[in-house]
PDB file of N, CA and C in Angstrom:
ATOM      1  N   UNK A   1     -34.037 -23.314-135.455  1.00  0.00           N
ATOM      2  CA  UNK A   1     -35.128 -24.212-135.791  1.00  0.00           C
ATOM      3  C   UNK A   1     -34.558 -25.566-136.212  1.00  0.00           C
ATOM      4  N   UNK A   2     -35.129 -26.624-135.648  1.00  0.00           N
ATOM      5  CA  UNK A   2     -34.755 -27.988-136.022  1.00  0.00           C
ATOM      6  C   UNK A   2     -35.649 -28.444-137.156  1.00  0.00           C
ATOM      7  N   UNK A   3     -35.147 -29.372-137.937  1.00  0.00           N
ATOM      8  CA  UNK A   3     -35.969 -29.985-138.976  1.00  0.00           C
ATOM      9  C   UNK A   3     -36.073 -31.475-138.673  1.00  0.00           C
ATOM     10  N   UNK A   4     -37.261 -32.032-138.896  1.00  0.00           N
ATOM     11  CA  UNK A   4     -37.472 -33.471-138.705  1.00  0.00           C
ATOM     12  C   UNK A   4     -38.157 -34.008-139.942  1.00  0.00           C
ATOM     13  N   UNK A   5     -37.542 -35.010-140.553  1.00  0.00           N
ATOM     14  CA  UNK A   5     -38.107 -35.613-141.760  1.00  0.00           C
ATOM     15  C   UNK A   5     -38.860 -36.881-141.389  1.00  0.00           C
ATOM     16  N   UNK A   6     -40.130 -36.926-141.763  1.00  0.00           N
ATOM     17  CA  UNK A   6     -40.967 -38.087-141.464  1.00  0.00           C
ATOM     18  C   UNK A   6     -40.545 -39.282-142.311  1.00  0.00           C
ATOM     19  N   UNK A   7     -40.559 -40.455-141.700  1.00  0.00           N
ATOM     20  CA  UNK A   7     -40.316 -41.698-142.437  1.00  0.00           C
ATOM     21  C   UNK A   7     -41.653 -42.321-142.848  1.00  0.00           C
ATOM     22  N   UNK A   8     -42.710 -41.990-142.119  1.00  0.00           N
ATOM     23  CA  UNK A   8     -44.062 -42.496-142.392  1.00  0.00           C
ATOM     24  C   UNK A   8     -44.973 -41.301-142.669  1.00  0.00           C
ATOM     25  N   UNK A   9     -46.281 -41.544-142.709  1.00  0.00           N
ATOM     26  CA  UNK A   9     -47.238 -40.468-142.980  1.00  0.00           C
ATOM     27  C   UNK A   9     -47.308 -39.472-141.829  1.00  0.00           C
ATOM     28  N   UNK A  10     -47.063 -39.947-140.602  1.00  0.00           N
ATOM     29  CA  UNK A  10     -47.147 -39.092-139.421  1.00  0.00           C
ATOM     30  C   UNK A  10     -46.316 -39.689-138.298  1.00  0.00           C
ATOM     31  N   UNK A  11     -46.113 -38.884-137.246  1.00  0.00           N
ATOM     32  CA  UNK A  11     -45.510 -39.381-136.004  1.00  0.00           C
ATOM     33  C   UNK A  11     -46.346 -38.821-134.868  1.00  0.00           C
ATOM     34  N   UNK A  12     -46.567 -39.641-133.841  1.00  0.00           N
ATOM     35  CA  UNK A  12     -47.325 -39.167-132.685  1.00  0.00           C
ATOM     36  C   UNK A  12     -46.466 -38.173-131.911  1.00  0.00           C
ATOM     37  N   UNK A  13     -47.116 -37.150-131.365  1.00  0.00           N
ATOM     38  CA  UNK A  13     -46.412 -36.042-130.726  1.00  0.00           C
ATOM     39  C   UNK A  13     -45.419 -36.505-129.661  1.00  0.00           C
ATOM     40  N   UNK A  14     -45.848 -37.368-128.748  1.00  0.00           N
ATOM     41  CA  UNK A  14     -44.940 -37.774-127.666  1.00  0.00           C
ATOM     42  C   UNK A  14     -43.736 -38.542-128.218  1.00  0.00           C
ATOM     43  N   UNK A  15     -43.941 -39.287-129.304  1.00  0.00           N
ATOM     44  CA  UNK A  15     -42.828 -40.031-129.911  1.00  0.00           C
ATOM     45  C   UNK A  15     -41.832 -39.084-130.570  1.00  0.00           C
ATOM     46  N   UNK A  16     -42.326 -38.002-131.146  1.00  0.00           N
ATOM     47  CA  UNK A  16     -41.441 -37.002-131.751  1.00  0.00           C
ATOM     48  C   UNK A  16     -40.474 -36.450-130.711  1.00  0.00           C
ATOM     49  N   UNK A  17     -40.992 -36.081-129.538  1.00  0.00           N
ATOM     50  CA  UNK A  17     -40.141 -35.524-128.482  1.00  0.00           C
ATOM     51  C   UNK A  17     -39.116 -36.558-128.009  1.00  0.00           C
ATOM     52  N   UNK A  18     -39.532 -37.816-127.935  1.00  0.00           N
ATOM     53  CA  UNK A  18     -38.634 -38.867-127.489  1.00  0.00           C
ATOM     54  C   UNK A  18     -37.533 -39.104-128.529  1.00  0.00           C
ATOM     55  N   UNK A  19     -37.896 -39.208-129.798  1.00  0.00           N
ATOM     56  CA  UNK A  19     -36.939 -39.450-130.885  1.00  0.00           C
ATOM     57  C   UNK A  19     -35.896 -38.341-130.952  1.00  0.00           C
ATOM     58  N   UNK A  20     -36.319 -37.097-130.715  1.00  0.00           N
ATOM     59  CA  UNK A  20     -35.403 -35.958-130.796  1.00  0.00           C
ATOM     60  C   UNK A  20     -34.673 -35.680-129.478  1.00  0.00           C
ATOM     61  N   UNK A  21     -34.826 -36.573-128.509  1.00  0.00           N
ATOM     62  CA  UNK A  21     -34.187 -36.427-127.192  1.00  0.00           C
ATOM     63  C   UNK A  21     -34.601 -35.148-126.479  1.00  0.00           C
ATOM     64  N   UNK A  22     -35.841 -34.719-126.695  1.00  0.00           N
ATOM     65  CA  UNK A  22     -36.358 -33.549-125.984  1.00  0.00           C
ATOM     66  C   UNK A  22     -37.060 -33.969-124.699  1.00  0.00           C
ATOM     67  N   UNK A  23     -37.210 -35.277-124.525  1.00  0.00           N
ATOM     68  CA  UNK A  23     -37.781 -35.833-123.298  1.00  0.00           C
ATOM     69  C   UNK A  23     -36.957 -37.070-122.935  1.00  0.00           C
ATOM     70  N   UNK A  24     -36.839 -37.333-121.648  1.00  0.00           N
ATOM     71  CA  UNK A  24     -36.034 -38.466-121.176  1.00  0.00           C
ATOM     72  C   UNK A  24     -36.668 -39.807-121.505  1.00  0.00           C
ATOM     73  N   UNK A  25     -38.010 -39.811-121.593  1.00  0.00           N
ATOM     74  CA  UNK A  25     -38.742 -41.058-121.830  1.00  0.00           C
ATOM     75  C   UNK A  25     -40.099 -40.727-122.423  1.00  0.00           C
ATOM     76  N   UNK A  26     -40.814 -41.757-122.829  1.00  0.00           N
ATOM     77  CA  UNK A  26     -42.168 -41.549-123.325  1.00  0.00           C
ATOM     78  C   UNK A  26     -43.060 -40.954-122.243  1.00  0.00           C
ATOM     79  N   UNK A  27     -42.894 -41.434-121.014  1.00  0.00           N
ATOM     80  CA  UNK A  27     -43.701 -40.916-119.907  1.00  0.00           C
ATOM     81  C   UNK A  27     -43.399 -39.436-119.665  1.00  0.00           C
ATOM     82  N   UNK A  28     -42.125 -39.063-119.744  1.00  0.00           N
ATOM     83  CA  UNK A  28     -41.730 -37.662-119.567  1.00  0.00           C
ATOM     84  C   UNK A  28     -42.331 -36.805-120.679  1.00  0.00           C
ATOM     85  N   UNK A  29     -42.280 -37.293-121.906  1.00  0.00           N
ATOM     86  CA  UNK A  29     -42.853 -36.564-123.045  1.00  0.00           C
ATOM     87  C   UNK A  29     -44.353 -36.349-122.832  1.00  0.00           C
ATOM     88  N   UNK A  30     -45.042 -37.392-122.395  1.00  0.00           N
ATOM     89  CA  UNK A  30     -46.490 -37.292-122.168  1.00  0.00           C
ATOM     90  C   UNK A  30     -46.798 -36.276-121.076  1.00  0.00           C
ATOM     91  N   UNK A  31     -45.959 -36.229-120.034  1.00  0.00           N
ATOM     92  CA  UNK A  31     -46.152 -35.277-118.947  1.00  0.00           C
ATOM     93  C   UNK A  31     -45.981 -33.840-119.459  1.00  0.00           C
ATOM     94  N   UNK A  32     -44.952 -33.599-120.268  1.00  0.00           N
ATOM     95  CA  UNK A  32     -44.732 -32.259-120.824  1.00  0.00           C
ATOM     96  C   UNK A  32     -45.934 -31.813-121.653  1.00  0.00           C
ATOM     97  N   UNK A  33     -46.478 -32.725-122.452  1.00  0.00           N
ATOM     98  CA  UNK A  33     -47.637 -32.408-123.289  1.00  0.00           C
ATOM     99  C   UNK A  33     -48.853 -32.129-122.411  1.00  0.00           C
ATOM    100  N   UNK A  34     -49.101 -32.999-121.437  1.00  0.00           N
ATOM    101  CA  UNK A  34     -50.254 -32.836-120.545  1.00  0.00           C
ATOM    102  C   UNK A  34     -50.185 -31.527-119.767  1.00  0.00           C
ATOM    103  N   UNK A  35     -48.968 -31.078-119.450  1.00  0.00           N
ATOM    104  CA  UNK A  35     -48.780 -29.834-118.696  1.00  0.00           C
ATOM    105  C   UNK A  35     -48.845 -28.586-119.581  1.00  0.00           C
ATOM    106  N   UNK A  36     -49.098 -28.780-120.885  1.00  0.00           N
ATOM    107  CA  UNK A  36     -49.318 -27.644-121.773  1.00  0.00           C
ATOM    108  C   UNK A  36     -48.076 -27.014-122.366  1.00  0.00           C
ATOM    109  N   UNK A  37     -46.948 -27.742-122.360  1.00  0.00           N
ATOM    110  CA  UNK A  37     -45.703 -27.170-122.880  1.00  0.00           C
ATOM    111  C   UNK A  37     -45.556 -27.304-124.394  1.00  0.00           C
ATOM    112  N   UNK A  38     -46.394 -28.125-125.011  1.00  0.00           N
ATOM    113  CA  UNK A  38     -46.257 -28.375-126.455  1.00  0.00           C
ATOM    114  C   UNK A  38     -47.209 -27.497-127.255  1.00  0.00           C
ATOM    115  N   UNK A  39     -46.701 -26.984-128.379  1.00  0.00           N
ATOM    116  CA  UNK A  39     -47.538 -26.222-129.302  1.00  0.00           C
ATOM    117  C   UNK A  39     -47.422 -26.850-130.680  1.00  0.00           C
ATOM    118  N   UNK A  40     -48.531 -26.851-131.390  1.00  0.00           N
ATOM    119  CA  UNK A  40     -48.564 -27.341-132.767  1.00  0.00           C
ATOM    120  C   UNK A  40     -49.181 -26.250-133.613  1.00  0.00           C
ATOM    121  N   UNK A  41     -48.432 -25.737-134.562  1.00  0.00           N
ATOM    122  CA  UNK A  41     -48.900 -24.658-135.435  1.00  0.00           C
ATOM    123  C   UNK A  41     -49.435 -23.473-134.631  1.00  0.00           C
ATOM    124  N   UNK A  42     -48.736 -23.147-133.532  1.00  0.00           N
ATOM    125  CA  UNK A  42     -49.067 -21.973-132.738  1.00  0.00           C
ATOM    126  C   UNK A  42     -50.124 -22.170-131.668  1.00  0.00           C
ATOM    127  N   UNK A  43     -50.748 -23.352-131.628  1.00  0.00           N
ATOM    128  CA  UNK A  43     -51.791 -23.632-130.631  1.00  0.00           C
ATOM    129  C   UNK A  43     -51.282 -24.675-129.638  1.00  0.00           C
ATOM    130  N   UNK A  44     -51.655 -24.523-128.375  1.00  0.00           N
ATOM    131  CA  UNK A  44     -51.275 -25.530-127.377  1.00  0.00           C
ATOM    132  C   UNK A  44     -51.914 -26.860-127.770  1.00  0.00           C
ATOM    133  N   UNK A  45     -51.107 -27.906-127.787  1.00  0.00           N
ATOM    134  CA  UNK A  45     -51.580 -29.252-128.143  1.00  0.00           C
ATOM    135  C   UNK A  45     -51.493 -30.139-126.914  1.00  0.00           C
ATOM    136  N   UNK A  46     -52.639 -30.632-126.449  1.00  0.00           N
ATOM    137  CA  UNK A  46     -52.687 -31.452-125.240  1.00  0.00           C
ATOM    138  C   UNK A  46     -52.859 -32.942-125.544  1.00  0.00           C
ATOM    139  N   UNK A  47     -53.039 -33.288-126.801  1.00  0.00           N
ATOM    140  CA  UNK A  47     -53.216 -34.698-127.181  1.00  0.00           C
ATOM    141  C   UNK A  47     -51.841 -35.340-127.356  1.00  0.00           C
ATOM    142  N   UNK A  48     -51.538 -36.292-126.493  1.00  0.00           N
ATOM    143  CA  UNK A  48     -50.220 -36.941-126.509  1.00  0.00           C
ATOM    144  C   UNK A  48     -49.973 -37.677-127.817  1.00  0.00           C
ATOM    145  N   UNK A  49     -51.032 -38.232-128.377  1.00  0.00           N
ATOM    146  CA  UNK A  49     -50.907 -39.030-129.593  1.00  0.00           C
ATOM    147  C   UNK A  49     -51.353 -38.265-130.837  1.00  0.00           C
ATOM    148  N   UNK A  50     -51.352 -36.928-130.763  1.00  0.00           N
ATOM    149  CA  UNK A  50     -51.714 -36.120-131.932  1.00  0.00           C
ATOM    150  C   UNK A  50     -50.818 -36.521-133.101  1.00  0.00           C
ATOM    151  N   UNK A  51     -51.424 -36.697-134.268  1.00  0.00           N
ATOM    152  CA  UNK A  51     -50.661 -37.108-135.450  1.00  0.00           C
ATOM    153  C   UNK A  51     -50.000 -35.885-136.079  1.00  0.00           C
ATOM    154  N   UNK A  52     -48.690 -35.844-135.971  1.00  0.00           N
ATOM    155  CA  UNK A  52     -47.909 -34.740-136.520  1.00  0.00           C
ATOM    156  C   UNK A  52     -47.552 -35.106-137.961  1.00  0.00           C
ATOM    157  N   UNK A  53     -47.914 -34.218-138.890  1.00  0.00           N
ATOM    158  CA  UNK A  53     -47.723 -34.501-140.317  1.00  0.00           C
ATOM    159  C   UNK A  53     -46.804 -33.468-140.950  1.00  0.00           C
ATOM    160  N   UNK A  54     -46.392 -33.743-142.171  1.00  0.00           N
ATOM    161  CA  UNK A  54     -45.528 -32.841-142.921  1.00  0.00           C
ATOM    162  C   UNK A  54     -46.173 -31.460-143.015  1.00  0.00           C
ATOM    163  N   UNK A  55     -45.373 -30.426-142.765  1.00  0.00           N
ATOM    164  CA  UNK A  55     -45.876 -29.056-142.802  1.00  0.00           C
ATOM    165  C   UNK A  55     -46.188 -28.486-141.432  1.00  0.00           C
ATOM    166  N   UNK A  56     -46.318 -29.357-140.423  1.00  0.00           N
ATOM    167  CA  UNK A  56     -46.587 -28.877-139.062  1.00  0.00           C
ATOM    168  C   UNK A  56     -45.341 -28.207-138.486  1.00  0.00           C
ATOM    169  N   UNK A  57     -45.580 -27.229-137.612  1.00  0.00           N
ATOM    170  CA  UNK A  57     -44.517 -26.604-136.823  1.00  0.00           C
ATOM    171  C   UNK A  57     -44.835 -26.928-135.363  1.00  0.00           C
ATOM    172  N   UNK A  58     -43.912 -27.615-134.708  1.00  0.00           N
ATOM    173  CA  UNK A  58     -44.112 -28.035-133.324  1.00  0.00           C
ATOM    174  C   UNK A  58     -43.115 -27.281-132.456  1.00  0.00           C
ATOM    175  N   UNK A  59     -43.588 -26.822-131.281  1.00  0.00           N
ATOM    176  CA  UNK A  59     -42.708 -26.108-130.355  1.00  0.00           C
ATOM    177  C   UNK A  59     -42.790 -26.750-128.980  1.00  0.00           C
ATOM    178  N   UNK A  60     -41.657 -26.795-128.318  1.00  0.00           N
ATOM    179  CA  UNK A  60     -41.620 -27.167-126.900  1.00  0.00           C
ATOM    180  C   UNK A  60     -40.490 -26.365-126.272  1.00  0.00           C
ATOM    181  N   UNK A  61     -40.820 -25.671-125.196  1.00  0.00           N
ATOM    182  CA  UNK A  61     -39.867 -24.750-124.556  1.00  0.00           C
ATOM    183  C   UNK A  61     -39.364 -23.771-125.613  1.00  0.00           C
ATOM    184  N   UNK A  62     -38.069 -23.682-125.822  1.00  0.00           N
ATOM    185  CA  UNK A  62     -37.489 -22.756-126.805  1.00  0.00           C
ATOM    186  C   UNK A  62     -37.195 -23.446-128.136  1.00  0.00           C
ATOM    187  N   UNK A  63     -37.560 -24.703-128.247  1.00  0.00           N
ATOM    188  CA  UNK A  63     -37.227 -25.495-129.439  1.00  0.00           C
ATOM    189  C   UNK A  63     -38.382 -25.471-130.434  1.00  0.00           C
ATOM    190  N   UNK A  64     -38.072 -25.121-131.678  1.00  0.00           N
ATOM    191  CA  UNK A  64     -39.059 -25.116-132.760  1.00  0.00           C
ATOM    192  C   UNK A  64     -38.647 -26.191-133.751  1.00  0.00           C
ATOM    193  N   UNK A  65     -39.603 -27.061-134.124  1.00  0.00           N
ATOM    194  CA  UNK A  65     -39.317 -28.179-135.002  1.00  0.00           C
ATOM    195  C   UNK A  65     -40.199 -28.066-136.246  1.00  0.00           C
ATOM    196  N   UNK A  66     -39.558 -28.056-137.404  1.00  0.00           N
ATOM    197  CA  UNK A  66     -40.286 -28.027-138.671  1.00  0.00           C
ATOM    198  C   UNK A  66     -40.356 -29.448-139.209  1.00  0.00           C
ATOM    199  N   UNK A  67     -41.577 -29.905-139.504  1.00  0.00           N
ATOM    200  CA  UNK A  67     -41.791 -31.276-139.949  1.00  0.00           C
ATOM    201  C   UNK A  67     -41.872 -31.312-141.471  1.00  0.00           C
ATOM    202  N   UNK A  68     -41.111 -32.215-142.073  1.00  0.00           N
ATOM    203  CA  UNK A  68     -41.183 -32.367-143.528  1.00  0.00           C
ATOM    204  C   UNK A  68     -41.261 -33.837-143.894  1.00  0.00           C
TER     205      UNK A  68
END
């Protein structure tokens, strides 16, 4: 499990994947989300700009990210 510490109140989902190098670009991150590969707290998240906040658990492929 990876940990990601927020610098602000939230980070948009596609930006999280880009910052953590889980996507090659913002467009790639948005495509992964649109194709249903992202989960937030166990539910598929299709909103590219979903506000990810402290306490959320985000998953993509085999990667689990704990947000603090």
